[in-house]
Amino acid sequence: MDISKVVVFRAGNEEYGVPIENVISIEKLEDINVIPNMPYYMKGVVMVRGELIPTLDTNNILYKQETTITENIKLIVIQSDELSVALIVEDAKEIIDIRQEQLKSISVGAFQATKYFVAVASIESRLITIIDPNQFISSLEGISLVKDEIISHQL
């Protein structure tokens, strides 16, 4: 695992990081266009740089709770092998460097529901859980429906 820079964001009371190479942009939350009959975690789509991007509620995915919309809410647009998505997060606060010796593997890796948690970075008094965007997106129930719907709206 070779992680050097991550974008840190908050979900629930925890801090998470996504490798910078998977991050396209960090955006203010604007109007989300709702698409009916999508999975519970998908709030709709947003237009980013001329592309329709599915918008996923990170709190809903991780904690089964709706994100309360405040002025600190941001969208982190990430690219996975499958598609680009915008994650609704509670404050994308910083980009940090992580040294290899600061990373600890997660012993709950055998737990299938959280296989996208690849490590925890221990930095001073902080613990930042590192998320693999490819595994995160592919683990979502109904993601193929989301991909099909986005493709049909772009035609």
Protein backbone atom coordinates (compact mmCIF):
# COMPACT_ATOMS: atom_id res chain seq x y z
CA MET A 1 0.00 0.00 0.00
CA ASP A 2 1.65 3.21 -1.15
CA ILE A 3 -0.38 6.19 -0.02
CA SER A 4 1.35 9.55 0.13
CA LYS A 5 -1.32 12.29 -0.04
CA VAL A 6 -4.96 12.05 0.95
CA VAL A 7 -7.93 14.42 0.99
CA VAL A 8 -9.34 14.33 4.53
CA PHE A 9 -13.06 14.65 5.15
CA ARG A 10 -15.51 14.12 7.97
CA ALA A 11 -18.44 11.71 8.09
CA GLY A 12 -20.22 11.15 11.36
CA ASN A 13 -17.68 11.88 14.09
CA GLU A 14 -14.79 10.30 12.21
CA GLU A 15 -12.15 11.44 9.74
CA TYR A 16 -11.60 9.61 6.47
CA GLY A 17 -9.08 9.99 3.68
CA VAL A 18 -9.21 9.34 -0.05
CA PRO A 19 -5.96 9.13 -2.03
CA ILE A 20 -5.44 12.38 -3.92
CA GLU A 21 -4.91 10.59 -7.22
CA ASN A 22 -8.58 9.54 -7.13
CA VAL A 23 -9.89 13.04 -6.40
CA ILE A 24 -11.05 15.10 -9.38
CA SER A 25 -12.23 18.13 -7.43
CA ILE A 26 -13.80 19.46 -4.25
CA GLU A 27 -16.99 21.43 -4.89
CA LYS A 28 -19.53 23.42 -2.93
CA LEU A 29 -22.85 21.64 -2.66
CA GLU A 30 -25.15 23.16 -5.27
CA ASP A 31 -28.52 21.97 -6.47
CA ILE A 32 -28.79 18.22 -6.81
CA ASN A 33 -31.08 16.96 -9.58
CA VAL A 34 -33.06 14.08 -8.12
CA ILE A 35 -33.47 10.89 -10.16
CA PRO A 36 -36.33 8.70 -8.90
CA ASN A 37 -35.98 5.02 -7.98
CA MET A 38 -32.28 5.13 -7.22
CA PRO A 39 -30.64 3.32 -4.28
CA TYR A 40 -31.13 4.91 -0.82
CA TYR A 41 -27.60 6.38 -0.74
CA MET A 42 -27.88 8.24 -4.06
CA LYS A 43 -29.32 11.73 -3.72
CA GLY A 44 -29.31 12.53 -7.46
CA VAL A 45 -26.85 13.94 -9.96
CA VAL A 46 -24.85 17.15 -10.27
CA MET A 47 -23.19 18.66 -13.31
CA VAL A 48 -19.42 18.95 -12.84
CA ARG A 49 -17.29 20.15 -15.74
CA GLY A 50 -20.00 19.22 -18.24
CA GLU A 51 -20.46 15.69 -16.91
CA LEU A 52 -23.41 14.23 -14.98
CA ILE A 53 -22.03 12.84 -11.72
CA PRO A 54 -24.04 10.65 -9.31
CA THR A 55 -24.17 12.20 -5.84
CA LEU A 56 -23.79 9.78 -2.94
CA ASP A 57 -24.51 10.51 0.72
CA THR A 58 -21.41 9.28 2.57
CA ASN A 59 -23.12 9.39 5.99
CA ASN A 60 -25.94 7.28 4.62
CA ILE A 61 -23.50 4.68 3.24
CA LEU A 62 -21.32 4.49 6.35
CA TYR A 63 -23.82 5.14 9.15
CA LYS A 64 -27.31 4.74 7.60
CA GLN A 65 -28.06 8.38 8.51
CA GLU A 66 -28.94 11.28 6.23
CA THR A 67 -26.41 14.10 6.05
CA THR A 68 -27.73 17.34 7.49
CA ILE A 69 -27.06 20.04 4.90
CA THR A 70 -25.04 22.94 6.33
CA GLU A 71 -22.65 25.50 4.87
CA ASN A 72 -19.72 23.14 5.60
CA ILE A 73 -21.07 20.35 3.38
CA LYS A 74 -18.86 19.69 0.36
CA LEU A 75 -18.78 17.36 -2.60
CA ILE A 76 -15.61 15.40 -3.21
CA VAL A 77 -15.69 14.24 -6.83
CA ILE A 78 -13.74 11.01 -7.06
CA GLN A 79 -12.85 8.72 -9.94
CA SER A 80 -12.99 4.97 -9.48
CA ASP A 81 -12.40 2.27 -12.07
CA GLU A 82 -16.17 2.06 -12.56
CA LEU A 83 -17.33 5.68 -12.63
CA SER A 84 -16.95 9.16 -11.21
CA VAL A 85 -19.09 10.01 -8.19
CA ALA A 86 -19.57 13.03 -5.93
CA LEU A 87 -19.45 12.15 -2.24
CA ILE A 88 -21.48 14.38 0.07
CA VAL A 89 -19.18 14.92 3.06
CA GLU A 90 -19.17 17.00 6.22
CA ASP A 91 -16.28 19.27 5.41
CA ALA A 92 -13.41 18.33 3.14
CA LYS A 93 -10.86 20.06 5.26
CA GLU A 94 -7.37 19.38 4.06
CA ILE A 95 -4.87 17.50 1.98
CA ILE A 96 -2.20 15.82 4.08
CA ASP A 97 0.98 13.88 3.49
CA ILE A 98 1.09 10.44 5.03
CA ARG A 99 4.33 8.57 5.57
CA GLN A 100 4.32 4.79 5.24
CA GLU A 101 5.21 4.33 8.94
CA GLN A 102 2.05 6.27 9.93
CA LEU A 103 -0.18 3.65 8.26
CA LYS A 104 -1.56 0.73 10.22
CA SER A 105 -3.41 -2.12 8.57
CA ILE A 106 -6.95 -2.79 9.73
CA SER A 107 -7.46 -6.19 11.30
CA VAL A 108 -11.18 -6.14 10.46
CA GLY A 109 -10.20 -6.49 6.80
CA ALA A 110 -11.90 -9.85 6.69
CA PHE A 111 -15.22 -8.15 7.37
CA GLN A 112 -16.76 -7.95 3.88
CA ALA A 113 -18.91 -4.88 4.50
CA THR A 114 -15.89 -2.63 5.10
CA LYS A 115 -13.26 -4.10 2.80
CA TYR A 116 -12.86 -0.60 1.33
CA PHE A 117 -11.17 0.54 4.58
CA VAL A 118 -7.56 -0.22 3.65
CA ALA A 119 -5.61 1.37 6.51
CA VAL A 120 -5.69 3.82 9.39
CA ALA A 121 -3.25 6.70 9.44
CA SER A 122 -2.11 7.61 12.94
CA ILE A 123 -1.00 11.24 12.83
CA GLU A 124 -0.33 12.91 16.18
CA SER A 125 -3.62 12.54 18.09
CA ARG A 126 -5.69 11.82 14.97
CA LEU A 127 -6.84 8.58 13.38
CA ILE A 128 -7.80 8.87 9.71
CA THR A 129 -9.38 5.84 8.05
CA ILE A 130 -8.17 5.47 4.45
CA ILE A 131 -10.79 4.46 1.88
CA ASP A 132 -10.01 2.71 -1.39
CA PRO A 133 -12.43 4.42 -3.85
CA ASN A 134 -12.52 1.44 -6.22
CA GLN A 135 -13.60 -0.98 -3.49
CA PHE A 136 -15.90 1.64 -1.94
CA ILE A 137 -17.85 2.21 -5.16
CA SER A 138 -17.92 -1.45 -6.23
CA SER A 139 -19.22 -2.50 -2.76
CA LEU A 140 -22.36 -0.38 -3.10
CA GLU A 141 -25.56 -2.32 -3.59
CA GLY A 142 -27.25 -1.31 -6.84
CA ILE A 143 -24.27 0.57 -8.31
CA SER A 144 -24.86 -1.04 -11.72
CA LEU A 145 -28.36 0.51 -11.73
CA VAL A 146 -26.77 3.90 -11.01
CA LYS A 147 -24.25 3.46 -13.86
CA ASP A 148 -27.01 2.45 -16.30
CA GLU A 149 -29.19 5.40 -15.28
CA ILE A 150 -26.34 7.91 -15.65
CA ILE A 151 -25.46 6.54 -19.10
CA SER A 152 -29.11 6.77 -20.23
CA HIS A 153 -29.33 10.41 -19.06
CA GLN A 154 -26.16 11.34 -20.97
CA LEU A 155 -27.38 10.03 -24.31
